[in-house]
Each structure stands twice: as structure tokens, then as C-alpha cells.
PDB file of N, CA and C in Angstrom:
ATOM      1  N   UNK A   1      20.200 -13.534  -5.046  1.00  0.00           N
ATOM      2  CA  UNK A   1      20.718 -12.841  -3.881  1.00  0.00           C
ATOM      3  C   UNK A   1      20.709 -13.757  -2.658  1.00  0.00           C
ATOM      4  N   UNK A   2      19.642 -14.566  -2.552  1.00  0.00           N
ATOM      5  CA  UNK A   2      19.541 -15.478  -1.414  1.00  0.00           C
ATOM      6  C   UNK A   2      20.687 -16.485  -1.439  1.00  0.00           C
ATOM      7  N   UNK A   3      20.920 -17.092  -2.595  1.00  0.00           N
ATOM      8  CA  UNK A   3      22.004 -18.067  -2.716  1.00  0.00           C
ATOM      9  C   UNK A   3      23.356 -17.432  -2.448  1.00  0.00           C
ATOM     10  N   UNK A   4      23.557 -16.233  -2.946  1.00  0.00           N
ATOM     11  CA  UNK A   4      24.822 -15.523  -2.731  1.00  0.00           C
ATOM     12  C   UNK A   4      25.083 -15.285  -1.248  1.00  0.00           C
ATOM     13  N   UNK A   5      24.036 -15.083  -0.483  1.00  0.00           N
ATOM     14  CA  UNK A   5      24.149 -14.880   0.971  1.00  0.00           C
ATOM     15  C   UNK A   5      24.230 -16.198   1.740  1.00  0.00           C
ATOM     16  N   UNK A   6      24.076 -17.320   1.035  1.00  0.00           N
ATOM     17  CA  UNK A   6      24.181 -18.622   1.685  1.00  0.00           C
ATOM     18  C   UNK A   6      22.980 -19.009   2.522  1.00  0.00           C
ATOM     19  N   UNK A   7      21.815 -18.490   2.157  1.00  0.00           N
ATOM     20  CA  UNK A   7      20.594 -18.783   2.916  1.00  0.00           C
ATOM     21  C   UNK A   7      19.726 -19.793   2.173  1.00  0.00           C
ATOM     22  N   UNK A   8      19.079 -20.648   2.929  1.00  0.00           N
ATOM     23  CA  UNK A   8      18.072 -21.535   2.346  1.00  0.00           C
ATOM     24  C   UNK A   8      16.762 -20.760   2.245  1.00  0.00           C
ATOM     25  N   UNK A   9      15.829 -21.303   1.480  1.00  0.00           N
ATOM     26  CA  UNK A   9      14.512 -20.683   1.396  1.00  0.00           C
ATOM     27  C   UNK A   9      13.847 -20.651   2.770  1.00  0.00           C
ATOM     28  N   UNK A  10      14.008 -21.723   3.533  1.00  0.00           N
ATOM     29  CA  UNK A  10      13.409 -21.783   4.875  1.00  0.00           C
ATOM     30  C   UNK A  10      14.013 -20.713   5.788  1.00  0.00           C
ATOM     31  N   UNK A  11      15.315 -20.530   5.739  1.00  0.00           N
ATOM     32  CA  UNK A  11      15.961 -19.513   6.576  1.00  0.00           C
ATOM     33  C   UNK A  11      15.487 -18.116   6.214  1.00  0.00           C
ATOM     34  N   UNK A  12      15.431 -17.833   4.924  1.00  0.00           N
ATOM     35  CA  UNK A  12      14.985 -16.520   4.483  1.00  0.00           C
ATOM     36  C   UNK A  12      13.522 -16.299   4.859  1.00  0.00           C
ATOM     37  N   UNK A  13      12.711 -17.321   4.681  1.00  0.00           N
ATOM     38  CA  UNK A  13      11.302 -17.219   5.050  1.00  0.00           C
ATOM     39  C   UNK A  13      11.122 -16.887   6.515  1.00  0.00           C
ATOM     40  N   UNK A  14      11.898 -17.532   7.369  1.00  0.00           N
ATOM     41  CA  UNK A  14      11.755 -17.268   8.797  1.00  0.00           C
ATOM     42  C   UNK A  14      12.200 -15.847   9.151  1.00  0.00           C
ATOM     43  N   UNK A  15      13.121 -15.285   8.392  1.00  0.00           N
ATOM     44  CA  UNK A  15      13.569 -13.915   8.644  1.00  0.00           C
ATOM     45  C   UNK A  15      12.485 -12.881   8.344  1.00  0.00           C
ATOM     46  N   UNK A  16      11.629 -13.182   7.363  1.00  0.00           N
ATOM     47  CA  UNK A  16      10.573 -12.203   7.046  1.00  0.00           C
ATOM     48  C   UNK A  16       9.188 -12.673   7.483  1.00  0.00           C
ATOM     49  N   UNK A  17       9.124 -13.844   8.108  1.00  0.00           N
ATOM     50  CA  UNK A  17       7.862 -14.315   8.659  1.00  0.00           C
ATOM     51  C   UNK A  17       6.941 -15.022   7.690  1.00  0.00           C
ATOM     52  N   UNK A  18       7.524 -15.712   6.695  1.00  0.00           N
ATOM     53  CA  UNK A  18       6.714 -16.503   5.763  1.00  0.00           C
ATOM     54  C   UNK A  18       7.307 -17.909   5.670  1.00  0.00           C
ATOM     55  N   UNK A  19       6.568 -18.801   5.046  1.00  0.00           N
ATOM     56  CA  UNK A  19       7.034 -20.184   4.925  1.00  0.00           C
ATOM     57  C   UNK A  19       8.052 -20.347   3.796  1.00  0.00           C
ATOM     58  N   UNK A  20       8.727 -21.488   3.812  1.00  0.00           N
ATOM     59  CA  UNK A  20       9.657 -21.832   2.737  1.00  0.00           C
ATOM     60  C   UNK A  20       8.912 -21.905   1.410  1.00  0.00           C
ATOM     61  N   UNK A  21       7.681 -22.435   1.440  1.00  0.00           N
ATOM     62  CA  UNK A  21       6.888 -22.533   0.214  1.00  0.00           C
ATOM     63  C   UNK A  21       6.600 -21.150  -0.365  1.00  0.00           C
ATOM     64  N   UNK A  22       6.357 -20.175   0.508  1.00  0.00           N
ATOM     65  CA  UNK A  22       6.087 -18.817   0.024  1.00  0.00           C
ATOM     66  C   UNK A  22       7.324 -18.235  -0.645  1.00  0.00           C
ATOM     67  N   UNK A  23       8.503 -18.470  -0.078  1.00  0.00           N
ATOM     68  CA  UNK A  23       9.743 -17.991  -0.691  1.00  0.00           C
ATOM     69  C   UNK A  23       9.924 -18.642  -2.061  1.00  0.00           C
ATOM     70  N   UNK A  24       9.656 -19.948  -2.158  1.00  0.00           N
ATOM     71  CA  UNK A  24       9.763 -20.647  -3.440  1.00  0.00           C
ATOM     72  C   UNK A  24       8.821 -20.024  -4.469  1.00  0.00           C
ATOM     73  N   UNK A  25       7.592 -19.700  -4.050  1.00  0.00           N
ATOM     74  CA  UNK A  25       6.628 -19.076  -4.971  1.00  0.00           C
ATOM     75  C   UNK A  25       7.094 -17.683  -5.405  1.00  0.00           C
ATOM     76  N   UNK A  26       7.647 -16.933  -4.474  1.00  0.00           N
ATOM     77  CA  UNK A  26       8.153 -15.594  -4.805  1.00  0.00           C
ATOM     78  C   UNK A  26       9.304 -15.704  -5.800  1.00  0.00           C
ATOM     79  N   UNK A  27      10.202 -16.650  -5.583  1.00  0.00           N
ATOM     80  CA  UNK A  27      11.323 -16.821  -6.501  1.00  0.00           C
ATOM     81  C   UNK A  27      10.848 -17.269  -7.882  1.00  0.00           C
ATOM     82  N   UNK A  28       9.811 -18.093  -7.926  1.00  0.00           N
ATOM     83  CA  UNK A  28       9.290 -18.582  -9.198  1.00  0.00           C
ATOM     84  C   UNK A  28       8.525 -17.500  -9.961  1.00  0.00           C
ATOM     85  N   UNK A  29       7.833 -16.625  -9.236  1.00  0.00           N
ATOM     86  CA  UNK A  29       7.014 -15.587  -9.870  1.00  0.00           C
ATOM     87  C   UNK A  29       6.973 -14.343  -8.987  1.00  0.00           C
ATOM     88  N   UNK A  30       8.037 -13.524  -9.031  1.00  0.00           N
ATOM     89  CA  UNK A  30       8.122 -12.352  -8.156  1.00  0.00           C
ATOM     90  C   UNK A  30       6.971 -11.368  -8.328  1.00  0.00           C
ATOM     91  N   UNK A  31       6.336 -11.350  -9.482  1.00  0.00           N
ATOM     92  CA  UNK A  31       5.242 -10.404  -9.721  1.00  0.00           C
ATOM     93  C   UNK A  31       4.046 -10.667  -8.818  1.00  0.00           C
ATOM     94  N   UNK A  32       3.941 -11.865  -8.261  1.00  0.00           N
ATOM     95  CA  UNK A  32       2.818 -12.198  -7.390  1.00  0.00           C
ATOM     96  C   UNK A  32       3.112 -11.927  -5.915  1.00  0.00           C
ATOM     97  N   UNK A  33       4.287 -11.418  -5.607  1.00  0.00           N
ATOM     98  CA  UNK A  33       4.642 -11.096  -4.219  1.00  0.00           C
ATOM     99  C   UNK A  33       4.132  -9.708  -3.868  1.00  0.00           C
ATOM    100  N   UNK A  34       3.807  -9.522  -2.611  1.00  0.00           N
ATOM    101  CA  UNK A  34       3.372  -8.195  -2.180  1.00  0.00           C
ATOM    102  C   UNK A  34       4.578  -7.259  -2.114  1.00  0.00           C
ATOM    103  N   UNK A  35       4.294  -5.965  -2.200  1.00  0.00           N
ATOM    104  CA  UNK A  35       5.367  -4.982  -2.099  1.00  0.00           C
ATOM    105  C   UNK A  35       6.078  -5.115  -0.764  1.00  0.00           C
ATOM    106  N   UNK A  36       5.309  -5.359   0.296  1.00  0.00           N
ATOM    107  CA  UNK A  36       5.888  -5.511   1.629  1.00  0.00           C
ATOM    108  C   UNK A  36       6.885  -6.666   1.660  1.00  0.00           C
ATOM    109  N   UNK A  37       6.507  -7.799   1.084  1.00  0.00           N
ATOM    110  CA  UNK A  37       7.402  -8.960   1.074  1.00  0.00           C
ATOM    111  C   UNK A  37       8.657  -8.687   0.248  1.00  0.00           C
ATOM    112  N   UNK A  38       8.485  -8.109  -0.931  1.00  0.00           N
ATOM    113  CA  UNK A  38       9.645  -7.808  -1.773  1.00  0.00           C
ATOM    114  C   UNK A  38      10.572  -6.823  -1.079  1.00  0.00           C
ATOM    115  N   UNK A  39      10.023  -5.786  -0.464  1.00  0.00           N
ATOM    116  CA  UNK A  39      10.884  -4.798   0.191  1.00  0.00           C
ATOM    117  C   UNK A  39      11.644  -5.419   1.363  1.00  0.00           C
ATOM    118  N   UNK A  40      11.002  -6.280   2.134  1.00  0.00           N
ATOM    119  CA  UNK A  40      11.694  -6.956   3.234  1.00  0.00           C
ATOM    120  C   UNK A  40      12.817  -7.838   2.703  1.00  0.00           C
ATOM    121  N   UNK A  41      12.540  -8.589   1.641  1.00  0.00           N
ATOM    122  CA  UNK A  41      13.553  -9.466   1.065  1.00  0.00           C
ATOM    123  C   UNK A  41      14.759  -8.677   0.571  1.00  0.00           C
ATOM    124  N   UNK A  42      14.503  -7.606  -0.142  1.00  0.00           N
ATOM    125  CA  UNK A  42      15.597  -6.798  -0.687  1.00  0.00           C
ATOM    126  C   UNK A  42      16.461  -6.225   0.435  1.00  0.00           C
ATOM    127  N   UNK A  43      15.818  -5.681   1.466  1.00  0.00           N
ATOM    128  CA  UNK A  43      16.571  -5.095   2.578  1.00  0.00           C
ATOM    129  C   UNK A  43      17.393  -6.166   3.297  1.00  0.00           C
ATOM    130  N   UNK A  44      16.769  -7.310   3.594  1.00  0.00           N
ATOM    131  CA  UNK A  44      17.481  -8.377   4.301  1.00  0.00           C
ATOM    132  C   UNK A  44      18.648  -8.932   3.501  1.00  0.00           C
ATOM    133  N   UNK A  45      18.515  -8.919   2.184  1.00  0.00           N
ATOM    134  CA  UNK A  45      19.570  -9.475   1.342  1.00  0.00           C
ATOM    135  C   UNK A  45      20.606  -8.431   0.931  1.00  0.00           C
ATOM    136  N   UNK A  46      20.469  -7.219   1.445  1.00  0.00           N
ATOM    137  CA  UNK A  46      21.478  -6.185   1.212  1.00  0.00           C
ATOM    138  C   UNK A  46      21.361  -5.473  -0.120  1.00  0.00           C
ATOM    139  N   UNK A  47      20.191  -5.518  -0.719  1.00  0.00           N
ATOM    140  CA  UNK A  47      20.001  -4.846  -1.998  1.00  0.00           C
ATOM    141  C   UNK A  47      19.405  -3.463  -1.821  1.00  0.00           C
ATOM    142  N   UNK A  48      19.235  -2.799  -2.944  1.00  0.00           N
ATOM    143  CA  UNK A  48      18.599  -1.485  -2.962  1.00  0.00           C
ATOM    144  C   UNK A  48      17.260  -1.605  -3.668  1.00  0.00           C
ATOM    145  N   UNK A  49      16.261  -0.962  -3.110  1.00  0.00           N
ATOM    146  CA  UNK A  49      14.935  -0.948  -3.699  1.00  0.00           C
ATOM    147  C   UNK A  49      14.649   0.472  -4.154  1.00  0.00           C
ATOM    148  N   UNK A  50      14.420   0.634  -5.444  1.00  0.00           N
ATOM    149  CA  UNK A  50      14.139   1.944  -6.003  1.00  0.00           C
ATOM    150  C   UNK A  50      12.744   1.910  -6.597  1.00  0.00           C
ATOM    151  N   UNK A  51      11.915   2.833  -6.169  1.00  0.00           N
ATOM    152  CA  UNK A  51      10.547   2.922  -6.673  1.00  0.00           C
ATOM    153  C   UNK A  51      10.465   4.172  -7.534  1.00  0.00           C
ATOM    154  N   UNK A  52      10.062   3.987  -8.769  1.00  0.00           N
ATOM    155  CA  UNK A  52       9.949   5.099  -9.699  1.00  0.00           C
ATOM    156  C   UNK A  52       8.482   5.279 -10.040  1.00  0.00           C
ATOM    157  N   UNK A  53       8.023   6.484  -9.938  1.00  0.00           N
ATOM    158  CA  UNK A  53       6.627   6.762 -10.258  1.00  0.00           C
ATOM    159  C   UNK A  53       6.509   8.078 -10.982  1.00  0.00           C
ATOM    160  N   UNK A  54       5.333   8.330 -11.465  1.00  0.00           N
ATOM    161  CA  UNK A  54       5.060   9.585 -12.156  1.00  0.00           C
ATOM    162  C   UNK A  54       4.045  10.368 -11.344  1.00  0.00           C
ATOM    163  N   UNK A  55       4.140  11.679 -11.417  1.00  0.00           N
ATOM    164  CA  UNK A  55       3.178  12.542 -10.741  1.00  0.00           C
ATOM    165  C   UNK A  55       1.824  12.373 -11.420  1.00  0.00           C
ATOM    166  N   UNK A  56       0.751  12.408 -10.649  1.00  0.00           N
ATOM    167  CA  UNK A  56      -0.570  12.282 -11.266  1.00  0.00           C
ATOM    168  C   UNK A  56      -0.835  13.437 -12.225  1.00  0.00           C
ATOM    169  N   UNK A  57      -1.513  13.145 -13.293  1.00  0.00           N
ATOM    170  CA  UNK A  57      -1.851  14.160 -14.287  1.00  0.00           C
ATOM    171  C   UNK A  57      -3.155  14.830 -13.866  1.00  0.00           C
ATOM    172  N   UNK A  58      -3.165  16.149 -13.862  1.00  0.00           N
ATOM    173  CA  UNK A  58      -4.373  16.887 -13.487  1.00  0.00           C
ATOM    174  C   UNK A  58      -5.428  16.706 -14.567  1.00  0.00           C
ATOM    175  N   UNK A  59      -6.658  16.535 -14.156  1.00  0.00           N
ATOM    176  CA  UNK A  59      -7.769  16.389 -15.096  1.00  0.00           C
ATOM    177  C   UNK A  59      -8.006  17.714 -15.800  1.00  0.00           C
ATOM    178  N   UNK A  60      -8.365  17.657 -17.076  1.00  0.00           N
ATOM    179  CA  UNK A  60      -8.593  18.884 -17.832  1.00  0.00           C
ATOM    180  C   UNK A  60      -9.881  19.577 -17.418  1.00  0.00           C
ATOM    181  N   UNK A  61     -10.874  18.812 -16.965  1.00  0.00           N
ATOM    182  CA  UNK A  61     -12.093  19.417 -16.439  1.00  0.00           C
ATOM    183  C   UNK A  61     -12.608  18.570 -15.293  1.00  0.00           C
ATOM    184  N   UNK A  62     -13.306  19.158 -14.362  1.00  0.00           N
ATOM    185  CA  UNK A  62     -13.783  18.401 -13.198  1.00  0.00           C
ATOM    186  C   UNK A  62     -14.729  17.281 -13.612  1.00  0.00           C
ATOM    187  N   UNK A  63     -14.729  16.235 -12.828  1.00  0.00           N
ATOM    188  CA  UNK A  63     -15.626  15.108 -13.078  1.00  0.00           C
ATOM    189  C   UNK A  63     -17.062  15.541 -12.821  1.00  0.00           C
ATOM    190  N   UNK A  64     -17.981  14.942 -13.570  1.00  0.00           N
ATOM    191  CA  UNK A  64     -19.399  15.268 -13.406  1.00  0.00           C
ATOM    192  C   UNK A  64     -19.879  14.774 -12.055  1.00  0.00           C
ATOM    193  N   UNK A  65     -20.771  15.549 -11.437  1.00  0.00           N
ATOM    194  CA  UNK A  65     -21.333  15.158 -10.152  1.00  0.00           C
ATOM    195  C   UNK A  65     -22.512  14.231 -10.369  1.00  0.00           C
ATOM    196  N   UNK A  66     -22.703  13.329  -9.454  1.00  0.00           N
ATOM    197  CA  UNK A  66     -23.854  12.428  -9.520  1.00  0.00           C
ATOM    198  C   UNK A  66     -25.119  13.233  -9.289  1.00  0.00           C
ATOM    199  N   UNK A  67     -26.155  12.936 -10.068  1.00  0.00           N
ATOM    200  CA  UNK A  67     -27.401  13.688  -9.936  1.00  0.00           C
ATOM    201  C   UNK A  67     -28.550  12.782  -9.551  1.00  0.00           C
ATOM    202  N   UNK A  68     -28.252  11.652  -8.920  1.00  0.00           N
ATOM    203  CA  UNK A  68     -29.325  10.719  -8.564  1.00  0.00           C
ATOM    204  C   UNK A  68     -30.127  11.250  -7.385  1.00  0.00           C
ATOM    205  N   UNK A  69     -31.366  10.804  -7.347  1.00  0.00           N
ATOM    206  CA  UNK A  69     -32.262  11.187  -6.259  1.00  0.00           C
ATOM    207  C   UNK A  69     -32.628   9.933  -5.473  1.00  0.00           C
ATOM    208  N   UNK A  70     -33.062  10.066  -4.241  1.00  0.00           N
ATOM    209  CA  UNK A  70     -33.476   8.882  -3.496  1.00  0.00           C
ATOM    210  C   UNK A  70     -34.516   8.103  -4.293  1.00  0.00           C
ATOM    211  N   UNK A  71     -34.352   6.806  -4.349  1.00  0.00           N
ATOM    212  CA  UNK A  71     -35.273   5.946  -5.071  1.00  0.00           C
ATOM    213  C   UNK A  71     -34.839   5.631  -6.481  1.00  0.00           C
ATOM    214  N   UNK A  72     -33.830   6.355  -7.012  1.00  0.00           N
ATOM    215  CA  UNK A  72     -33.325   6.020  -8.346  1.00  0.00           C
ATOM    216  C   UNK A  72     -32.683   4.662  -8.329  1.00  0.00           C
ATOM    217  N   UNK A  73     -32.870   3.919  -9.380  1.00  0.00           N
ATOM    218  CA  UNK A  73     -32.209   2.611  -9.505  1.00  0.00           C
ATOM    219  C   UNK A  73     -30.872   2.796 -10.196  1.00  0.00           C
ATOM    220  N   UNK A  74     -29.882   2.114  -9.687  1.00  0.00           N
ATOM    221  CA  UNK A  74     -28.552   2.182 -10.294  1.00  0.00           C
ATOM    222  C   UNK A  74     -28.423   1.069 -11.216  1.00  0.00           C
TER     223      UNK A  74
END
């Protein structure tokens, strides 16, 4: 997307406030980028960001309460 927009890594980095080296690292391994960085990149490059999640599953029974007393060793 960056190349299609005609931007260098340095130019894109300055748009989102990171270095050229950080953009190179993100391009090499996007899984190590923060969500904030990825979302900024996608928006700046004119893409769509879709987040898909699942609703949390309700527990079948409540979690046990801690029964420790002062002085107990953990």
C-alpha cells in the first residue's frame, strides 16, 4: 500500500510519528506492530481496518473465592 501511494518508508514514518527503521520492521513482520501503529498506517494509506471478535463466553459456574488469611504464604 505504501509503494502504491508513492511514499518512502521515511515519509510514512514521519506521518505516524515513527522512524524509517520502525516502518521497515513493521513491513518485515507486521505481527510485531502495535494495534495503534497498524491502525494509523491503514487509515493513512486509505485502507479499511476490520476487527472481528467473539463475545466472551459466560462461565458455567462462578470462580472460587480466595480463602487466604493474613500471614498465609503464597
